[in-house]
Protein backbone atom coordinates (compact mmCIF):
# COMPACT_ATOMS: atom_id res chain seq x y z
CA UNK A 1 -6.03 202.69 -19.28
CA UNK A 2 -7.38 206.70 -19.51
CA UNK A 3 -9.99 207.26 -22.22
CA UNK A 4 -8.88 209.55 -24.93
CA UNK A 5 -10.12 213.24 -24.22
CA UNK A 6 -13.59 214.20 -25.67
CA UNK A 7 -13.86 217.29 -27.51
CA UNK A 8 -17.14 219.46 -26.67
CA UNK A 9 -18.21 219.07 -30.17
CA UNK A 10 -17.90 215.47 -30.22
CA UNK A 11 -19.53 215.09 -26.96
CA UNK A 12 -22.55 216.93 -28.03
CA UNK A 13 -22.70 214.90 -31.33
CA UNK A 14 -22.28 211.60 -29.42
CA UNK A 15 -24.67 212.32 -26.78
CA UNK A 16 -27.39 213.83 -28.64
CA UNK A 17 -27.06 212.70 -32.36
CA UNK A 18 -30.46 211.43 -33.55
CA UNK A 19 -32.01 212.50 -30.23
CA UNK A 20 -34.18 215.09 -31.75
CA UNK A 21 -37.16 214.23 -33.90
CA UNK A 22 -39.19 216.63 -35.81
CA UNK A 23 -41.46 218.32 -33.52
CA UNK A 24 -45.19 217.88 -34.66
CA UNK A 25 -47.27 220.47 -32.44
CA UNK A 26 -51.06 219.48 -32.20
CA UNK A 27 -53.44 222.57 -33.83
CA UNK A 28 -56.86 222.28 -33.35
CA UNK A 29 -59.51 224.35 -34.70
CA UNK A 30 -62.12 223.71 -32.10
CA UNK A 31 -61.65 222.50 -28.51
CA UNK A 32 -63.56 219.31 -27.77
CA UNK A 33 -66.17 219.71 -25.32
CA UNK A 34 -65.39 218.42 -21.71
CA UNK A 35 -68.01 215.95 -20.12
CA UNK A 36 -68.29 215.01 -16.50
CA UNK A 37 -64.89 216.58 -15.69
CA UNK A 38 -63.11 214.97 -18.41
CA UNK A 39 -61.33 216.06 -21.55
CA UNK A 40 -61.26 213.85 -24.72
CA UNK A 41 -57.64 214.38 -26.27
CA UNK A 42 -57.88 214.46 -30.07
CA UNK A 43 -55.77 211.51 -31.58
CA UNK A 44 -53.09 212.92 -33.64
CA UNK A 45 -49.81 211.45 -35.53
CA UNK A 46 -46.49 212.19 -33.50
CA UNK A 47 -42.68 211.27 -34.76
CA UNK A 48 -41.62 207.87 -34.14
CA UNK A 49 -38.07 206.58 -33.88
CA UNK A 50 -36.91 202.93 -34.09
CA UNK A 51 -32.96 203.34 -33.96
CA UNK A 52 -32.31 201.48 -30.71
CA UNK A 53 -31.95 197.96 -29.27
CA UNK A 54 -32.28 199.05 -25.61
CA UNK A 55 -34.48 201.94 -24.02
CA UNK A 56 -33.68 202.80 -20.73
CA UNK A 57 -36.24 204.87 -18.69
CA UNK A 58 -34.48 206.81 -15.62
CA UNK A 59 -30.88 207.84 -15.19
CA UNK A 60 -30.13 207.24 -11.72
CA UNK A 61 -27.74 204.88 -10.34
CA UNK A 62 -29.38 201.67 -11.98
CA UNK A 63 -30.29 203.55 -14.94
CA UNK A 64 -26.94 205.06 -16.15
CA UNK A 65 -25.34 201.74 -15.01
CA UNK A 66 -27.87 199.54 -17.08
CA UNK A 67 -27.65 202.00 -20.26
CA UNK A 68 -23.62 202.13 -20.07
CA UNK A 69 -23.43 198.05 -19.57
CA UNK A 70 -25.93 197.50 -22.30
CA UNK A 71 -23.82 199.77 -24.77
CA UNK A 72 -20.82 197.83 -23.99
CA UNK A 73 -22.20 194.89 -24.58
CA UNK A 74 -23.10 195.88 -28.32
CA UNK A 75 -26.52 197.28 -28.27
CA UNK A 76 -27.67 200.57 -29.44
CA UNK A 77 -28.94 202.39 -26.40
CA UNK A 78 -31.02 205.35 -25.86
CA UNK A 79 -31.37 206.50 -22.16
CA UNK A 80 -34.13 209.29 -21.15
CA UNK A 81 -34.03 211.20 -17.91
CA UNK A 82 -36.86 213.91 -16.64
CA UNK A 83 -33.78 215.80 -14.98
CA UNK A 84 -30.86 217.90 -16.24
CA UNK A 85 -28.18 215.49 -15.32
CA UNK A 86 -27.25 211.89 -14.91
CA UNK A 87 -27.09 210.05 -11.45
CA UNK A 88 -30.43 210.57 -10.21
CA UNK A 89 -30.64 210.49 -6.68
CA UNK A 90 -26.79 210.65 -6.09
CA UNK A 91 -26.79 214.09 -8.01
CA UNK A 92 -30.16 215.85 -8.39
CA UNK A 93 -31.02 214.27 -5.28
CA UNK A 94 -27.80 215.18 -3.18
CA UNK A 95 -28.11 211.77 -1.50
CA UNK A 96 -24.66 212.29 -0.21
CA UNK A 97 -23.47 208.68 0.55
CA UNK A 98 -23.05 205.58 -1.37
CA UNK A 99 -23.97 202.33 0.62
CA UNK A 100 -23.36 198.40 0.28
CA UNK A 101 -20.88 199.57 -2.79
CA UNK A 102 -18.20 197.09 -2.15
CA UNK A 103 -18.84 194.94 -5.33
CA UNK A 104 -17.09 194.38 -8.45
CA UNK A 105 -17.56 195.36 -11.85
CA UNK A 106 -19.37 198.84 -12.62
CA UNK A 107 -19.13 199.90 -8.86
CA UNK A 108 -15.51 199.14 -8.49
CA UNK A 109 -14.87 201.24 -11.69
CA UNK A 110 -16.80 204.25 -10.32
CA UNK A 111 -14.72 203.96 -7.05
CA UNK A 112 -11.52 203.82 -9.08
CA UNK A 113 -12.46 206.87 -11.34
CA UNK A 114 -13.77 209.02 -8.40
CA UNK A 115 -10.52 208.40 -6.69
CA UNK A 116 -8.64 209.24 -9.70
CA UNK A 117 -10.48 212.85 -9.50
CA UNK A 118 -10.05 213.31 -5.94
CA UNK A 119 -13.73 213.11 -5.79
CA UNK A 120 -14.53 210.62 -3.28
CA UNK A 121 -14.33 211.83 0.84
CA UNK A 122 -13.70 208.09 2.13
CA UNK A 123 -11.29 206.42 0.21
CA UNK A 124 -10.42 203.87 2.97
CA UNK A 125 -13.88 202.42 2.52
CA UNK A 126 -15.21 200.57 -0.49
CA UNK A 127 -18.69 199.98 0.89
CA UNK A 128 -19.82 203.29 1.90
CA UNK A 129 -18.53 206.75 1.52
CA UNK A 130 -19.13 210.48 0.37
CA UNK A 131 -18.36 212.05 -2.83
CA UNK A 132 -18.44 215.26 -5.00
CA UNK A 133 -21.60 215.51 -6.75
CA UNK A 134 -20.64 218.04 -9.51
CA UNK A 135 -17.74 215.66 -10.16
CA UNK A 136 -20.12 212.65 -10.62
CA UNK A 137 -22.33 214.46 -12.97
CA UNK A 138 -19.50 215.01 -15.32
CA UNK A 139 -18.19 211.68 -14.87
CA UNK A 140 -21.38 209.86 -15.78
CA UNK A 141 -21.86 212.00 -18.68
CA UNK A 142 -18.39 211.17 -20.13
CA UNK A 143 -18.86 207.60 -19.65
CA UNK A 144 -22.26 207.62 -21.29
CA UNK A 145 -20.62 209.36 -24.42
CA UNK A 146 -17.66 207.09 -24.34
CA UNK A 147 -19.80 203.79 -24.37
CA UNK A 148 -22.14 205.40 -27.16
CA UNK A 149 -25.40 205.91 -25.25
CA UNK A 150 -27.54 208.41 -26.92
CA UNK A 151 -29.22 210.22 -23.87
CA UNK A 152 -31.76 212.95 -23.36
CA UNK A 153 -32.51 215.11 -20.55
CA UNK A 154 -36.05 216.90 -19.62
CA UNK A 155 -37.85 213.77 -21.09
CA UNK A 156 -40.31 211.98 -19.32
CA UNK A 157 -41.91 208.60 -20.30
CA UNK A 158 -45.54 208.98 -19.90
CA UNK A 159 -47.26 206.38 -21.80
CA UNK A 160 -46.79 202.67 -23.01
CA UNK A 161 -47.88 200.49 -25.86
CA UNK A 162 -48.26 196.64 -26.26
CA UNK A 163 -48.74 194.23 -28.93
CA UNK A 164 -50.36 191.21 -27.05
CA UNK A 165 -47.92 190.91 -24.04
CA UNK A 166 -44.93 192.34 -25.55
CA UNK A 167 -44.06 196.13 -25.07
CA UNK A 168 -43.07 197.71 -28.13
CA UNK A 169 -43.45 201.62 -27.83
CA UNK A 170 -43.09 204.26 -24.99
CA UNK A 171 -44.43 207.73 -25.69
CA UNK A 172 -42.25 210.51 -24.10
CA UNK A 173 -42.86 214.16 -23.36
CA UNK A 174 -40.40 216.89 -23.44
CA UNK A 175 -39.93 220.56 -25.01
CA UNK A 176 -39.82 218.65 -28.43
CA UNK A 177 -43.71 217.67 -27.62
CA UNK A 178 -44.96 214.05 -27.49
CA UNK A 179 -42.48 211.59 -29.29
CA UNK A 180 -42.69 207.67 -29.95
CA UNK A 181 -39.85 204.99 -29.41
CA UNK A 182 -39.74 201.56 -30.30
CA UNK A 183 -37.12 199.02 -29.31
CA UNK A 184 -36.87 195.01 -28.69
CA UNK A 185 -36.37 195.51 -24.90
CA UNK A 186 -37.06 198.33 -22.33
CA UNK A 187 -35.50 198.76 -18.78
CA UNK A 188 -37.52 200.60 -16.05
CA UNK A 189 -35.23 202.43 -13.61
CA UNK A 190 -37.49 205.39 -13.05
CA UNK A 191 -37.49 204.37 -9.18
CA UNK A 192 -41.03 204.48 -9.10
CA UNK A 193 -41.82 201.96 -11.39
CA UNK A 194 -43.54 204.35 -13.60
CA UNK A 195 -42.97 202.25 -17.05
CA UNK A 196 -44.04 199.26 -15.51
CA UNK A 197 -47.05 200.97 -14.28
CA UNK A 198 -47.73 202.41 -17.73
CA UNK A 199 -47.29 199.14 -19.32
CA UNK A 200 -50.09 197.42 -17.24
CA UNK A 201 -47.85 195.38 -14.56
CA UNK A 202 -49.00 194.56 -11.29
CA UNK A 203 -47.27 196.24 -8.68
CA UNK A 204 -47.04 196.48 -4.88
CA UNK A 205 -46.56 199.58 -2.51
CA UNK A 206 -45.20 200.13 1.20
CA UNK A 207 -46.42 197.66 3.65
CA UNK A 208 -50.19 197.39 2.32
CA UNK A 209 -52.34 198.27 -0.76
CA UNK A 210 -52.41 201.69 0.51
CA UNK A 211 -48.96 202.21 2.13
CA UNK A 212 -47.73 203.14 4.76
CA UNK A 213 -44.88 203.86 2.57
CA UNK A 214 -41.51 205.16 4.22
CA UNK A 215 -41.09 208.99 4.32
CA UNK A 216 -39.26 211.21 1.65
CA UNK A 217 -36.43 213.39 2.59
CA UNK A 218 -34.81 216.77 0.74
CA UNK A 219 -31.16 216.69 1.15
CA UNK A 220 -28.94 219.67 0.87
CA UNK A 221 -25.35 220.86 0.52
CA UNK A 222 -24.19 223.50 3.07
CA UNK A 223 -21.20 225.40 3.64
CA UNK A 224 -19.63 225.99 7.09
CA UNK A 225 -17.16 228.35 8.63
CA UNK A 226 -14.73 225.64 10.03
CA UNK A 227 -15.72 221.87 9.72
CA UNK A 228 -12.89 220.80 11.98
CA UNK A 229 -15.12 222.71 14.73
CA UNK A 230 -18.33 220.65 14.16
CA UNK A 231 -16.21 217.30 14.24
CA UNK A 232 -18.56 216.36 17.05
CA UNK A 233 -21.64 216.62 14.77
CA UNK A 234 -19.97 215.70 11.23
CA UNK A 235 -19.26 212.31 9.84
CA UNK A 236 -15.92 212.16 8.44
CA UNK A 237 -14.44 209.40 6.46
CA UNK A 238 -11.54 208.87 8.85
CA UNK A 239 -12.52 209.52 12.25
CA UNK A 240 -10.03 210.45 14.88
CA UNK A 241 -9.30 207.97 17.70
CA UNK A 242 -11.90 208.03 20.31
CA UNK A 243 -14.22 210.42 18.02
CA UNK A 244 -17.75 210.26 18.78
CA UNK A 245 -19.72 207.21 17.08
CA UNK A 246 -22.28 208.07 14.05
CA UNK A 247 -25.04 207.45 16.63
CA UNK A 248 -24.01 209.78 19.12
CA UNK A 249 -23.22 212.60 16.09
CA UNK A 250 -26.97 212.03 15.18
CA UNK A 251 -28.42 212.70 18.60
CA UNK A 252 -25.98 215.96 19.11
CA UNK A 253 -27.38 217.35 15.71
CA UNK A 254 -30.98 216.61 17.02
CA UNK A 255 -30.40 218.21 20.36
CA UNK A 256 -28.97 221.33 18.82
CA UNK A 257 -31.70 221.54 16.14
CA UNK A 258 -34.22 221.05 19.46
CA UNK A 259 -32.12 223.76 21.28
CA UNK A 260 -32.92 226.20 18.45
CA UNK A 261 -36.42 225.81 18.96
CA UNK A 262 -37.63 223.28 16.50
CA UNK A 263 -38.00 219.45 16.57
CA UNK A 264 -36.50 217.81 13.22
CA UNK A 265 -38.98 215.58 11.34
CA UNK A 266 -36.06 213.28 10.93
CA UNK A 267 -34.64 212.76 14.33
CA UNK A 268 -31.54 210.86 12.92
CA UNK A 269 -30.41 213.92 11.22
CA UNK A 270 -27.00 213.44 9.65
CA UNK A 271 -24.16 215.54 8.29
CA UNK A 272 -21.50 214.33 6.11
CA UNK A 273 -18.23 215.76 5.19
CA UNK A 274 -17.63 216.28 1.27
CA UNK A 275 -14.16 218.07 1.12
CA UNK A 276 -13.04 221.49 2.72
CA UNK A 277 -15.83 222.88 4.37
CA UNK A 278 -18.65 221.52 2.13
CA UNK A 279 -20.88 219.04 4.16
CA UNK A 280 -24.29 217.26 3.12
CA UNK A 281 -27.18 217.21 5.21
CA UNK A 282 -30.15 214.98 5.50
CA UNK A 283 -32.35 216.50 8.16
CA UNK A 284 -35.98 216.41 7.33
CA UNK A 285 -38.57 213.61 6.46
CA UNK A 286 -42.19 213.92 4.74
CA UNK A 287 -44.49 211.37 5.99
CA UNK A 288 -47.21 209.33 4.11
CA UNK A 289 -46.47 210.73 0.46
CA UNK A 290 -47.33 208.61 -2.76
CA UNK A 291 -44.43 209.86 -5.02
CA UNK A 292 -46.66 209.26 -8.13
CA UNK A 293 -48.94 211.94 -6.88
CA UNK A 294 -47.84 215.32 -8.08
CA UNK A 295 -49.66 217.46 -5.83
CA UNK A 296 -48.51 215.29 -2.79
CA UNK A 297 -45.05 215.68 -3.82
CA UNK A 298 -45.03 219.37 -4.37
CA UNK A 299 -46.44 220.03 -1.18
CA UNK A 300 -43.99 217.95 0.50
CA UNK A 301 -41.13 219.52 -1.43
CA UNK A 302 -42.21 222.63 -0.60
CA UNK A 303 -42.82 221.90 3.26
CA UNK A 304 -39.33 220.24 3.37
CA UNK A 305 -37.52 223.05 1.83
CA UNK A 306 -38.83 225.29 4.16
CA UNK A 307 -38.18 222.91 7.18
CA UNK A 308 -34.59 222.87 5.78
CA UNK A 309 -33.90 226.30 5.83
CA UNK A 310 -35.72 226.71 9.30
CA UNK A 311 -33.38 224.23 10.80
CA UNK A 312 -30.02 225.94 9.21
CA UNK A 313 -31.12 229.08 10.41
CA UNK A 314 -31.53 227.90 13.77
CA UNK A 315 -28.52 226.38 13.87
CA UNK A 316 -26.72 229.33 12.78
CA UNK A 317 -28.40 231.38 15.47
CA UNK A 318 -26.87 229.25 18.03
CA UNK A 319 -23.18 230.78 16.94
CA UNK A 320 -20.05 228.97 18.24
CA UNK A 321 -19.12 226.05 15.84
CA UNK A 322 -22.58 226.81 13.93
CA UNK A 323 -21.52 230.29 13.11
CA UNK A 324 -21.89 230.95 9.45
CA UNK A 325 -23.50 227.80 8.34
CA UNK A 326 -25.52 228.17 5.35
CA UNK A 327 -27.44 226.25 2.36
CA UNK A 328 -25.50 226.26 -0.92
CA UNK A 329 -28.14 224.18 -2.52
CA UNK A 330 -31.11 221.66 -1.88
CA UNK A 331 -31.73 219.05 -4.17
CA UNK A 332 -33.87 219.62 -7.20
CA UNK A 333 -35.60 216.24 -6.43
CA UNK A 334 -37.06 215.04 -3.05
CA UNK A 335 -35.26 211.87 -2.20
CA UNK A 336 -38.07 208.80 -2.43
CA UNK A 337 -37.51 205.69 -0.53
CA UNK A 338 -40.65 203.67 -1.12
CA UNK A 339 -42.25 203.58 -4.66
CA UNK A 340 -44.04 200.82 -6.78
CA UNK A 341 -42.48 197.44 -6.78
CA UNK A 342 -43.09 195.88 -10.09
CA UNK A 343 -44.27 192.49 -10.14
CA UNK A 344 -41.57 190.15 -11.55
CA UNK A 345 -40.93 186.19 -12.17
CA UNK A 346 -39.40 186.23 -8.52
CA UNK A 347 -40.05 188.55 -5.59
CA UNK A 348 -37.17 189.00 -3.14
CA UNK A 349 -38.35 188.26 0.42
CA UNK A 350 -37.97 188.87 4.23
CA UNK A 351 -37.03 184.98 4.31
CA UNK A 352 -34.40 185.44 1.64
CA UNK A 353 -32.68 188.32 3.62
CA UNK A 354 -33.06 186.46 6.71
CA UNK A 355 -31.74 183.09 5.37
CA UNK A 356 -29.02 184.56 3.00
CA UNK A 357 -30.54 183.14 -0.27
CA UNK A 358 -28.43 182.01 -2.92
CA UNK A 359 -29.64 181.59 -6.71
CA UNK A 360 -27.99 180.46 -9.61
CA UNK A 361 -29.34 183.51 -11.48
CA UNK A 362 -27.91 186.17 -8.91
CA UNK A 363 -27.00 189.36 -10.46
CA UNK A 364 -26.00 190.98 -7.15
CA UNK A 365 -25.33 189.89 -3.67
CA UNK A 366 -26.80 192.48 -1.05
CA UNK A 367 -25.47 193.38 2.34
CA UNK A 368 -26.99 196.19 3.79
CA UNK A 369 -29.54 195.78 6.72
CA UNK A 370 -33.27 196.39 6.88
CA UNK A 371 -33.46 200.01 7.27
CA UNK A 372 -37.10 201.28 7.65
CA UNK A 373 -37.56 204.95 8.65
CA UNK A 374 -40.35 206.21 10.73
CA UNK A 375 -43.48 206.05 8.84
CA UNK A 376 -45.35 208.90 10.97
CA UNK A 377 -44.27 212.10 12.63
CA UNK A 378 -45.24 210.61 16.15
CA UNK A 379 -43.24 207.77 15.64
CA UNK A 380 -40.00 209.83 14.66
CA UNK A 381 -40.72 211.97 17.79
CA UNK A 382 -41.51 209.42 20.27
CA UNK A 383 -40.13 206.17 18.99
CA UNK A 384 -36.78 207.26 17.11
CA UNK A 385 -35.73 207.72 13.50
CA UNK A 386 -36.26 204.08 12.31
CA UNK A 387 -38.39 200.87 13.05
CA UNK A 388 -36.65 198.49 15.05
CA UNK A 389 -37.21 195.00 13.24
CA UNK A 390 -34.84 192.92 14.72
CA UNK A 391 -34.06 191.19 11.56
CA UNK A 392 -30.22 190.16 11.32
CA UNK A 393 -29.38 190.25 7.47
CA UNK A 394 -27.28 187.41 5.75
CA UNK A 395 -25.63 188.39 2.64
CA UNK A 396 -28.23 187.37 -0.10
CA UNK A 397 -28.57 187.11 -3.87
CA UNK A 398 -30.82 189.31 -5.89
CA UNK A 399 -31.72 186.96 -8.80
CA UNK A 400 -32.42 188.06 -12.44
CA UNK A 401 -35.88 186.80 -12.51
CA UNK A 402 -36.70 189.43 -10.03
CA UNK A 403 -35.59 192.12 -12.80
CA UNK A 404 -38.01 190.75 -15.34
CA UNK A 405 -41.45 191.64 -15.60
CA UNK A 406 -44.12 189.22 -15.12
CA UNK A 407 -46.79 190.56 -16.85
CA UNK A 408 -45.23 191.97 -19.78
CA UNK A 409 -42.63 190.71 -22.02
CA UNK A 410 -39.58 192.85 -23.23
CA UNK A 411 -39.56 194.57 -19.86
CA UNK A 412 -36.94 194.52 -17.05
CA UNK A 413 -36.59 196.58 -13.91
CA UNK A 414 -33.69 197.72 -12.05
CA UNK A 415 -33.23 199.60 -8.79
CA UNK A 416 -35.60 200.00 -6.11
CA UNK A 417 -38.54 198.96 -8.62
CA UNK A 418 -37.73 195.34 -8.85
CA UNK A 419 -39.92 192.71 -7.55
CA UNK A 420 -39.76 192.30 -3.72
CA UNK A 421 -41.64 192.54 -0.50
CA UNK A 422 -41.69 195.42 1.82
CA UNK A 423 -38.89 194.02 4.16
CA UNK A 424 -36.68 193.04 1.42
CA UNK A 425 -36.98 196.37 -0.28
CA UNK A 426 -35.77 198.21 2.81
CA UNK A 427 -32.51 196.52 2.45
CA UNK A 428 -31.73 196.27 -1.48
CA UNK A 429 -33.05 199.61 -2.01
CA UNK A 430 -29.55 201.37 -1.45
CA UNK A 431 -27.58 202.51 -4.30
CA UNK A 432 -24.67 199.88 -4.28
CA UNK A 433 -27.30 197.37 -5.02
CA UNK A 434 -28.79 199.25 -7.66
CA UNK A 435 -25.73 199.61 -9.69
CA UNK A 436 -25.46 195.90 -9.48
CA UNK A 437 -28.57 195.43 -10.67
CA UNK A 438 -28.42 197.72 -13.53
CA UNK A 439 -25.45 196.01 -14.57
CA UNK A 440 -27.12 192.62 -14.75
CA UNK A 441 -30.34 194.14 -16.71
CA UNK A 442 -28.10 196.07 -18.88
CA UNK A 443 -26.13 193.01 -20.25
CA UNK A 444 -29.15 190.67 -20.37
CA UNK A 445 -30.98 193.47 -22.40
CA UNK A 446 -28.35 193.75 -24.77
CA UNK A 447 -27.80 190.02 -25.32
CA UNK A 448 -31.88 189.70 -25.94
CA UNK A 449 -32.30 192.71 -28.13
CA UNK A 450 -29.11 191.90 -30.34
CA UNK A 451 -30.02 188.16 -30.81
CA UNK A 452 -33.61 188.66 -31.40
CA UNK A 453 -34.76 187.20 -27.84
CA UNK A 454 -36.68 188.16 -24.98
CA UNK A 455 -34.97 188.78 -21.52
CA UNK A 456 -36.49 185.76 -19.97
CA UNK A 457 -35.06 183.54 -22.60
CA UNK A 458 -31.45 184.46 -21.83
CA UNK A 459 -30.00 182.36 -19.31
CA UNK A 460 -27.78 184.33 -16.56
CA UNK A 461 -24.57 182.27 -17.25
CA UNK A 462 -24.43 183.80 -20.77
CA UNK A 463 -25.04 187.25 -18.93
CA UNK A 464 -22.34 186.52 -16.53
CA UNK A 465 -20.01 185.29 -19.24
CA UNK A 466 -20.51 188.38 -21.12
CA UNK A 467 -19.75 191.02 -18.06
CA UNK A 468 -16.45 188.63 -17.55
CA UNK A 469 -15.44 189.27 -20.93
CA UNK A 470 -16.23 192.81 -20.82
CA UNK A 471 -13.94 192.96 -17.80
CA UNK A 472 -16.91 194.19 -15.57
CA UNK A 473 -17.08 191.27 -13.26
CA UNK A 474 -13.29 191.19 -12.37
């Protein structure tokens, strides 16, 4: 059934009502003296809101799903996002491709709604397909408004406070200054586990305590003169009989970039067809970057954007099918594969992936392979774009326990910051699984908050029954 049209006035009211609390600037007559390179910030009162059952931090694939699901399950939900749109890596990150998406519930709903808008490039595959990022931005906003989610952009969670072991309050920073927000249940969908870290949770990163981590990539949206002339390079939703395989197309793109005078930092460079003569591009990698280090990620973004322009300009100089190729937009945010993995009540493991683990509290079944990108420039150039692990994945369950923080009560996680090891993470981190995790976290958070329980006190059978009653598991 088609939702009723939403007027712009109603849209803004629904999305932002109660979102602004009074701004209280800090005015100090005297600047405290700095000592030993440290500055003592004066304590001051800031506005506090206590009007939500569930607060979700981060509006990427997991976060927007969690927020919508929690609201549909009857919770009052606030959703905070530091960028200017919903969708995270899908939209601000121009990811280009949905992977491991052949799932029921909200994943199916998104597929169907994108199809209805002509915004899915590969309608023949439910598992992996390209999409229109602008159409997705609008769709996600409409779904949040329809569900009653109060979302606020350009707002970053910057601190968290507990009473004993229980998380009770977060602090955000935005143009409105610092604001405090209370809720019974919180969900960390920041990708890098920012909220879990600020709450005092233990976490893991990369392969070891100090990485190495998987590389970052800055994607882009390109326009070409005639996409049909680039069929031997571009991945289409419906290949022609006898058309080159995806691997052959990647090699052809790499060879073309090398011919233009540059070896790409991602030797598995890929172009996906969006629509018309628009294509997504993933052609660069930045190695050894900790995604929570602002200086490192800034430098990586600058290098990646420069390299993307260098490669596109080089391809255009080759002429022929590359004539007229140019960048429409580089991503607002560089894409991160590896951030903090917050310690939960269960850690998804390499053995789970190999054996095809089954759990009574399974929130989603993952099927994607173990995808570990080259962790050094040398490996990318001499050893290929990815690490060959030899691991064959059997479809495996991600249990609810991996989405519930171990060290802090009232805190859940969804997306790539859930509890798991490096190998398992390299499989479950794709966005189809993030949506399934967001769905599970959202419904359990809503049930916990509205019945005055903690997430670990709500059995998954109750959450699954609620999803079925909502029509999200059919």
